[in-house]
Amino acid sequence: MGTSDNRNTTGNPKDSLLTQAEADALSSSLNLGYTSPISQSKANTFFTEDTAKAVSAVNKLSLPNGHTLSQNQFDALV
């Protein structure tokens, strides 16, 4: 495999594992509604959407009276 096909052959995380055409085809075949690469804003939106149920569930936990979760505990549960 040569570098002329735009695949990651260097180990550099900034290099793509797929060619742009392959990434676009994969996105299309999965009906994702977006193509690669995604923006940081889109990644943040995905993260928020993916964790919303867990955040809600942890917020609804009934703890013994006077007890609260630390931020680290909350994060670990989510």
PDB file of N, CA and C in Angstrom:
ATOM      1  N   MET A   1       0.851  -1.173   0.000  1.00  0.00           N
ATOM      2  CA  MET A   1       0.000   0.000   0.000  1.00  0.00           C
ATOM      3  C   MET A   1       0.895   1.234   0.000  1.00  0.00           C
ATOM      4  N   GLY A   2       0.725   2.106  -0.978  1.00  0.00           N
ATOM      5  CA  GLY A   2       1.519   3.314  -1.065  1.00  0.00           C
ATOM      6  C   GLY A   2       0.812   4.496  -0.453  1.00  0.00           C
ATOM      7  N   THR A   3       1.534   5.601  -0.364  1.00  0.00           N
ATOM      8  CA  THR A   3       0.937   6.801   0.212  1.00  0.00           C
ATOM      9  C   THR A   3       0.091   7.547  -0.797  1.00  0.00           C
ATOM     10  N   SER A   4       0.125   7.136  -2.065  1.00  0.00           N
ATOM     11  CA  SER A   4      -0.622   7.854  -3.094  1.00  0.00           C
ATOM     12  C   SER A   4      -2.130   7.673  -2.959  1.00  0.00           C
ATOM     13  N   ASP A   5      -2.587   6.679  -2.184  1.00  0.00           N
ATOM     14  CA  ASP A   5      -4.030   6.493  -2.024  1.00  0.00           C
ATOM     15  C   ASP A   5      -4.570   7.172  -0.767  1.00  0.00           C
ATOM     16  N   ASN A   6      -3.786   8.017  -0.136  1.00  0.00           N
ATOM     17  CA  ASN A   6      -4.199   8.825   1.018  1.00  0.00           C
ATOM     18  C   ASN A   6      -4.544   8.013   2.260  1.00  0.00           C
ATOM     19  N   ARG A   7      -3.992   6.838   2.408  1.00  0.00           N
ATOM     20  CA  ARG A   7      -4.230   6.040   3.612  1.00  0.00           C
ATOM     21  C   ARG A   7      -3.146   6.341   4.643  1.00  0.00           C
ATOM     22  N   ASN A   8      -3.473   6.058   5.893  1.00  0.00           N
ATOM     23  CA  ASN A   8      -2.519   6.285   6.962  1.00  0.00           C
ATOM     24  C   ASN A   8      -1.447   5.204   6.937  1.00  0.00           C
ATOM     25  N   THR A   9      -0.271   5.570   6.510  1.00  0.00           N
ATOM     26  CA  THR A   9       0.849   4.640   6.516  1.00  0.00           C
ATOM     27  C   THR A   9       1.967   5.134   7.430  1.00  0.00           C
ATOM     28  N   THR A  10       1.754   6.285   8.057  1.00  0.00           N
ATOM     29  CA  THR A  10       2.806   6.879   8.872  1.00  0.00           C
ATOM     30  C   THR A  10       2.594   6.696  10.357  1.00  0.00           C
ATOM     31  N   GLY A  11       1.363   6.343  10.769  1.00  0.00           N
ATOM     32  CA  GLY A  11       1.059   6.280  12.187  1.00  0.00           C
ATOM     33  C   GLY A  11       0.658   7.624  12.764  1.00  0.00           C
ATOM     34  N   ASN A  12       0.733   8.670  11.967  1.00  0.00           N
ATOM     35  CA  ASN A  12       0.352  10.005  12.421  1.00  0.00           C
ATOM     36  C   ASN A  12      -1.171  10.059  12.520  1.00  0.00           C
ATOM     37  N   PRO A  13      -1.738  10.375  13.715  1.00  0.00           N
ATOM     38  CA  PRO A  13      -3.195  10.383  13.857  1.00  0.00           C
ATOM     39  C   PRO A  13      -3.889  11.422  12.993  1.00  0.00           C
ATOM     40  N   LYS A  14      -3.137  12.377  12.459  1.00  0.00           N
ATOM     41  CA  LYS A  14      -3.735  13.367  11.569  1.00  0.00           C
ATOM     42  C   LYS A  14      -3.941  12.817  10.162  1.00  0.00           C
ATOM     43  N   ASP A  15      -3.296  11.690   9.869  1.00  0.00           N
ATOM     44  CA  ASP A  15      -3.486  11.044   8.574  1.00  0.00           C
ATOM     45  C   ASP A  15      -4.777  10.239   8.618  1.00  0.00           C
ATOM     46  N   SER A  16      -5.435  10.099   7.509  1.00  0.00           N
ATOM     47  CA  SER A  16      -6.705   9.385   7.451  1.00  0.00           C
ATOM     48  C   SER A  16      -6.492   7.885   7.300  1.00  0.00           C
ATOM     49  N   LEU A  17      -7.342   7.108   7.978  1.00  0.00           N
ATOM     50  CA  LEU A  17      -7.305   5.656   7.821  1.00  0.00           C
ATOM     51  C   LEU A  17      -8.008   5.231   6.544  1.00  0.00           C
ATOM     52  N   LEU A  18      -8.932   6.041   6.065  1.00  0.00           N
ATOM     53  CA  LEU A  18      -9.657   5.787   4.822  1.00  0.00           C
ATOM     54  C   LEU A  18      -9.402   6.930   3.863  1.00  0.00           C
ATOM     55  N   THR A  19      -9.519   6.641   2.592  1.00  0.00           N
ATOM     56  CA  THR A  19      -9.485   7.746   1.643  1.00  0.00           C
ATOM     57  C   THR A  19     -10.772   8.536   1.850  1.00  0.00           C
ATOM     58  N   GLN A  20     -10.806   9.777   1.401  1.00  0.00           N
ATOM     59  CA  GLN A  20     -12.012  10.584   1.552  1.00  0.00           C
ATOM     60  C   GLN A  20     -13.199   9.921   0.862  1.00  0.00           C
ATOM     61  N   ALA A  21     -12.956   9.344  -0.327  1.00  0.00           N
ATOM     62  CA  ALA A  21     -14.031   8.669  -1.050  1.00  0.00           C
ATOM     63  C   ALA A  21     -14.568   7.478  -0.259  1.00  0.00           C
ATOM     64  N   GLU A  22     -13.670   6.712   0.379  1.00  0.00           N
ATOM     65  CA  GLU A  22     -14.110   5.568   1.186  1.00  0.00           C
ATOM     66  C   GLU A  22     -14.898   6.028   2.410  1.00  0.00           C
ATOM     67  N   ALA A  23     -14.436   7.096   3.053  1.00  0.00           N
ATOM     68  CA  ALA A  23     -15.142   7.624   4.222  1.00  0.00           C
ATOM     69  C   ALA A  23     -16.527   8.127   3.835  1.00  0.00           C
ATOM     70  N   ASP A  24     -16.616   8.832   2.718  1.00  0.00           N
ATOM     71  CA  ASP A  24     -17.912   9.330   2.244  1.00  0.00           C
ATOM     72  C   ASP A  24     -18.845   8.182   1.882  1.00  0.00           C
ATOM     73  N   ALA A  25     -18.323   7.146   1.219  1.00  0.00           N
ATOM     74  CA  ALA A  25     -19.142   5.994   0.845  1.00  0.00           C
ATOM     75  C   ALA A  25     -19.647   5.258   2.087  1.00  0.00           C
ATOM     76  N   LEU A  26     -18.793   5.101   3.086  1.00  0.00           N
ATOM     77  CA  LEU A  26     -19.193   4.440   4.323  1.00  0.00           C
ATOM     78  C   LEU A  26     -20.284   5.239   5.025  1.00  0.00           C
ATOM     79  N   SER A  27     -20.088   6.535   5.130  1.00  0.00           N
ATOM     80  CA  SER A  27     -21.087   7.407   5.752  1.00  0.00           C
ATOM     81  C   SER A  27     -22.419   7.302   5.034  1.00  0.00           C
ATOM     82  N   SER A  28     -22.370   7.310   3.722  1.00  0.00           N
ATOM     83  CA  SER A  28     -23.584   7.214   2.914  1.00  0.00           C
ATOM     84  C   SER A  28     -24.255   5.858   3.093  1.00  0.00           C
ATOM     85  N   SER A  29     -23.482   4.787   3.107  1.00  0.00           N
ATOM     86  CA  SER A  29     -24.055   3.444   3.231  1.00  0.00           C
ATOM     87  C   SER A  29     -24.707   3.230   4.595  1.00  0.00           C
ATOM     88  N   LEU A  30     -24.246   3.959   5.597  1.00  0.00           N
ATOM     89  CA  LEU A  30     -24.805   3.848   6.950  1.00  0.00           C
ATOM     90  C   LEU A  30     -25.903   4.876   7.210  1.00  0.00           C
ATOM     91  N   ASN A  31     -26.209   5.676   6.172  1.00  0.00           N
ATOM     92  CA  ASN A  31     -27.233   6.730   6.301  1.00  0.00           C
ATOM     93  C   ASN A  31     -26.973   7.650   7.484  1.00  0.00           C
ATOM     94  N   LEU A  32     -25.726   8.062   7.649  1.00  0.00           N
ATOM     95  CA  LEU A  32     -25.360   8.896   8.784  1.00  0.00           C
ATOM     96  C   LEU A  32     -25.765  10.353   8.624  1.00  0.00           C
ATOM     97  N   GLY A  33     -25.949  10.803   7.407  1.00  0.00           N
ATOM     98  CA  GLY A  33     -26.356  12.183   7.189  1.00  0.00           C
ATOM     99  C   GLY A  33     -25.231  13.196   7.296  1.00  0.00           C
ATOM    100  N   TYR A  34     -24.004  12.732   7.343  1.00  0.00           N
ATOM    101  CA  TYR A  34     -22.843  13.612   7.356  1.00  0.00           C
ATOM    102  C   TYR A  34     -21.687  12.848   6.747  1.00  0.00           C
ATOM    103  N   THR A  35     -20.642  13.571   6.389  1.00  0.00           N
ATOM    104  CA  THR A  35     -19.454  12.921   5.854  1.00  0.00           C
ATOM    105  C   THR A  35     -18.258  13.249   6.728  1.00  0.00           C
ATOM    106  N   SER A  36     -17.230  12.498   6.537  1.00  0.00           N
ATOM    107  CA  SER A  36     -16.004  12.654   7.291  1.00  0.00           C
ATOM    108  C   SER A  36     -15.109  13.668   6.597  1.00  0.00           C
ATOM    109  N   PRO A  37     -14.323  14.431   7.280  1.00  0.00           N
ATOM    110  CA  PRO A  37     -14.233  14.535   8.730  1.00  0.00           C
ATOM    111  C   PRO A  37     -15.360  15.387   9.297  1.00  0.00           C
ATOM    112  N   ILE A  38     -15.641  15.198  10.581  1.00  0.00           N
ATOM    113  CA  ILE A  38     -16.651  16.029  11.229  1.00  0.00           C
ATOM    114  C   ILE A  38     -15.956  17.146  11.994  1.00  0.00           C
ATOM    115  N   SER A  39     -16.681  18.205  12.244  1.00  0.00           N
ATOM    116  CA  SER A  39     -16.126  19.336  12.983  1.00  0.00           C
ATOM    117  C   SER A  39     -16.119  19.023  14.476  1.00  0.00           C
ATOM    118  N   GLN A  40     -15.369  19.807  15.231  1.00  0.00           N
ATOM    119  CA  GLN A  40     -15.364  19.658  16.688  1.00  0.00           C
ATOM    120  C   GLN A  40     -16.756  19.926  17.238  1.00  0.00           C
ATOM    121  N   SER A  41     -17.457  20.885  16.648  1.00  0.00           N
ATOM    122  CA  SER A  41     -18.814  21.192  17.077  1.00  0.00           C
ATOM    123  C   SER A  41     -19.736  19.984  16.900  1.00  0.00           C
ATOM    124  N   LYS A  42     -19.621  19.298  15.762  1.00  0.00           N
ATOM    125  CA  LYS A  42     -20.442  18.108  15.507  1.00  0.00           C
ATOM    126  C   LYS A  42     -20.065  16.997  16.483  1.00  0.00           C
ATOM    127  N   ALA A  43     -18.785  16.833  16.762  1.00  0.00           N
ATOM    128  CA  ALA A  43     -18.338  15.825  17.725  1.00  0.00           C
ATOM    129  C   ALA A  43     -18.908  16.123  19.108  1.00  0.00           C
ATOM    130  N   ASN A  44     -18.910  17.393  19.503  1.00  0.00           N
ATOM    131  CA  ASN A  44     -19.469  17.776  20.798  1.00  0.00           C
ATOM    132  C   ASN A  44     -20.963  17.479  20.852  1.00  0.00           C
ATOM    133  N   THR A  45     -21.674  17.739  19.751  1.00  0.00           N
ATOM    134  CA  THR A  45     -23.106  17.449  19.687  1.00  0.00           C
ATOM    135  C   THR A  45     -23.345  15.955  19.826  1.00  0.00           C
ATOM    136  N   PHE A  46     -22.576  15.136  19.110  1.00  0.00           N
ATOM    137  CA  PHE A  46     -22.707  13.684  19.223  1.00  0.00           C
ATOM    138  C   PHE A  46     -22.480  13.235  20.665  1.00  0.00           C
ATOM    139  N   PHE A  47     -21.452  13.764  21.298  1.00  0.00           N
ATOM    140  CA  PHE A  47     -21.133  13.381  22.674  1.00  0.00           C
ATOM    141  C   PHE A  47     -22.286  13.723  23.612  1.00  0.00           C
ATOM    142  N   THR A  48     -22.814  14.927  23.488  1.00  0.00           N
ATOM    143  CA  THR A  48     -23.927  15.360  24.340  1.00  0.00           C
ATOM    144  C   THR A  48     -25.148  14.477  24.129  1.00  0.00           C
ATOM    145  N   GLU A  49     -25.465  14.200  22.875  1.00  0.00           N
ATOM    146  CA  GLU A  49     -26.617  13.342  22.570  1.00  0.00           C
ATOM    147  C   GLU A  49     -26.402  11.915  23.077  1.00  0.00           C
ATOM    148  N   ASP A  50     -25.185  11.401  22.917  1.00  0.00           N
ATOM    149  CA  ASP A  50     -24.885  10.027  23.320  1.00  0.00           C
ATOM    150  C   ASP A  50     -24.916   9.842  24.842  1.00  0.00           C
ATOM    151  N   THR A  51     -24.607  10.884  25.594  1.00  0.00           N
ATOM    152  CA  THR A  51     -24.533  10.751  27.052  1.00  0.00           C
ATOM    153  C   THR A  51     -25.775  11.270  27.776  1.00  0.00           C
ATOM    154  N   ALA A  52     -26.726  11.838  27.062  1.00  0.00           N
ATOM    155  CA  ALA A  52     -27.892  12.475  27.698  1.00  0.00           C
ATOM    156  C   ALA A  52     -28.669  11.513  28.595  1.00  0.00           C
ATOM    157  N   LYS A  53     -28.918  10.284  28.157  1.00  0.00           N
ATOM    158  CA  LYS A  53     -29.678   9.328  28.963  1.00  0.00           C
ATOM    159  C   LYS A  53     -28.927   8.963  30.242  1.00  0.00           C
ATOM    160  N   ALA A  54     -27.629   8.776  30.127  1.00  0.00           N
ATOM    161  CA  ALA A  54     -26.833   8.426  31.300  1.00  0.00           C
ATOM    162  C   ALA A  54     -26.792   9.581  32.293  1.00  0.00           C
ATOM    163  N   VAL A  55     -26.633  10.794  31.807  1.00  0.00           N
ATOM    164  CA  VAL A  55     -26.622  11.970  32.678  1.00  0.00           C
ATOM    165  C   VAL A  55     -27.953  12.071  33.420  1.00  0.00           C
ATOM    166  N   SER A  56     -29.042  11.888  32.695  1.00  0.00           N
ATOM    167  CA  SER A  56     -30.373  11.957  33.299  1.00  0.00           C
ATOM    168  C   SER A  56     -30.546  10.874  34.372  1.00  0.00           C
ATOM    169  N   ALA A  57     -30.125   9.664  34.062  1.00  0.00           N
ATOM    170  CA  ALA A  57     -30.265   8.557  35.018  1.00  0.00           C
ATOM    171  C   ALA A  57     -29.460   8.810  36.286  1.00  0.00           C
ATOM    172  N   VAL A  58     -28.242   9.282  36.142  1.00  0.00           N
ATOM    173  CA  VAL A  58     -27.406   9.547  37.317  1.00  0.00           C
ATOM    174  C   VAL A  58     -27.996  10.695  38.130  1.00  0.00           C
ATOM    175  N   ASN A  59     -28.521  11.705  37.461  1.00  0.00           N
ATOM    176  CA  ASN A  59     -29.133  12.827  38.179  1.00  0.00           C
ATOM    177  C   ASN A  59     -30.369  12.399  38.967  1.00  0.00           C
ATOM    178  N   LYS A  60     -31.024  11.323  38.551  1.00  0.00           N
ATOM    179  CA  LYS A  60     -32.233  10.838  39.228  1.00  0.00           C
ATOM    180  C   LYS A  60     -31.940   9.857  40.361  1.00  0.00           C
ATOM    181  N   LEU A  61     -30.686   9.493  40.551  1.00  0.00           N
ATOM    182  CA  LEU A  61     -30.345   8.544  41.615  1.00  0.00           C
ATOM    183  C   LEU A  61     -30.771   9.084  42.977  1.00  0.00           C
ATOM    184  N   SER A  62     -31.297   8.188  43.793  1.00  0.00           N
ATOM    185  CA  SER A  62     -31.655   8.545  45.169  1.00  0.00           C
ATOM    186  C   SER A  62     -30.501   8.152  46.077  1.00  0.00           C
ATOM    187  N   LEU A  63     -29.832   9.139  46.606  1.00  0.00           N
ATOM    188  CA  LEU A  63     -28.725   8.888  47.513  1.00  0.00           C
ATOM    189  C   LEU A  63     -29.213   9.042  48.951  1.00  0.00           C
ATOM    190  N   PRO A  64     -28.526   8.380  49.885  1.00  0.00           N
ATOM    191  CA  PRO A  64     -28.902   8.561  51.294  1.00  0.00           C
ATOM    192  C   PRO A  64     -28.885  10.048  51.656  1.00  0.00           C
ATOM    193  N   ASN A  65     -29.761  10.420  52.559  1.00  0.00           N
ATOM    194  CA  ASN A  65     -29.907  11.810  52.969  1.00  0.00           C
ATOM    195  C   ASN A  65     -28.558  12.423  53.347  1.00  0.00           C
ATOM    196  N   GLY A  66     -28.270  13.560  52.751  1.00  0.00           N
ATOM    197  CA  GLY A  66     -27.033  14.285  53.050  1.00  0.00           C
ATOM    198  C   GLY A  66     -25.849  13.864  52.205  1.00  0.00           C
ATOM    199  N   HIS A  67     -26.040  12.906  51.328  1.00  0.00           N
ATOM    200  CA  HIS A  67     -24.938  12.449  50.491  1.00  0.00           C
ATOM    201  C   HIS A  67     -25.092  12.990  49.073  1.00  0.00           C
ATOM    202  N   THR A  68     -23.991  13.364  48.495  1.00  0.00           N
ATOM    203  CA  THR A  68     -23.965  13.814  47.107  1.00  0.00           C
ATOM    204  C   THR A  68     -22.793  13.147  46.402  1.00  0.00           C
ATOM    205  N   LEU A  69     -22.871  13.116  45.104  1.00  0.00           N
ATOM    206  CA  LEU A  69     -21.765  12.584  44.313  1.00  0.00           C
ATOM    207  C   LEU A  69     -20.752  13.688  44.043  1.00  0.00           C
ATOM    208  N   SER A  70     -19.481  13.334  44.117  1.00  0.00           N
ATOM    209  CA  SER A  70     -18.454  14.274  43.670  1.00  0.00           C
ATOM    210  C   SER A  70     -18.500  14.313  42.144  1.00  0.00           C
ATOM    211  N   GLN A  71     -17.854  15.287  41.567  1.00  0.00           N
ATOM    212  CA  GLN A  71     -17.822  15.353  40.103  1.00  0.00           C
ATOM    213  C   GLN A  71     -17.157  14.113  39.517  1.00  0.00           C
ATOM    214  N   ASN A  72     -16.093  13.631  40.181  1.00  0.00           N
ATOM    215  CA  ASN A  72     -15.420  12.424  39.696  1.00  0.00           C
ATOM    216  C   ASN A  72     -16.326  11.214  39.745  1.00  0.00           C
ATOM    217  N   GLN A  73     -17.119  11.081  40.814  1.00  0.00           N
ATOM    218  CA  GLN A  73     -18.059   9.972  40.922  1.00  0.00           C
ATOM    219  C   GLN A  73     -19.148  10.060  39.848  1.00  0.00           C
ATOM    220  N   PHE A  74     -19.678  11.250  39.662  1.00  0.00           N
ATOM    221  CA  PHE A  74     -20.696  11.480  38.634  1.00  0.00           C
ATOM    222  C   PHE A  74     -20.138  11.098  37.261  1.00  0.00           C
ATOM    223  N   ASP A  75     -18.963  11.615  36.951  1.00  0.00           N
ATOM    224  CA  ASP A  75     -18.339  11.321  35.656  1.00  0.00           C
ATOM    225  C   ASP A  75     -18.114   9.823  35.454  1.00  0.00           C
ATOM    226  N   ALA A  76     -17.704   9.124  36.499  1.00  0.00           N
ATOM    227  CA  ALA A  76     -17.467   7.693  36.394  1.00  0.00           C
ATOM    228  C   ALA A  76     -18.762   6.936  36.122  1.00  0.00           C
ATOM    229  N   LEU A  77     -19.853   7.365  36.711  1.00  0.00           N
ATOM    230  CA  LEU A  77     -21.136   6.703  36.501  1.00  0.00           C
ATOM    231  C   LEU A  77     -21.709   6.982  35.117  1.00  0.00           C
ATOM    232  N   VAL A  78     -21.486   8.185  34.628  1.00  0.00           N
ATOM    233  CA  VAL A  78     -21.982   8.526  33.292  1.00  0.00           C
ATOM    234  C   VAL A  78     -21.145   7.807  32.259  1.00  0.00           C
TER     235      VAL A  78
END
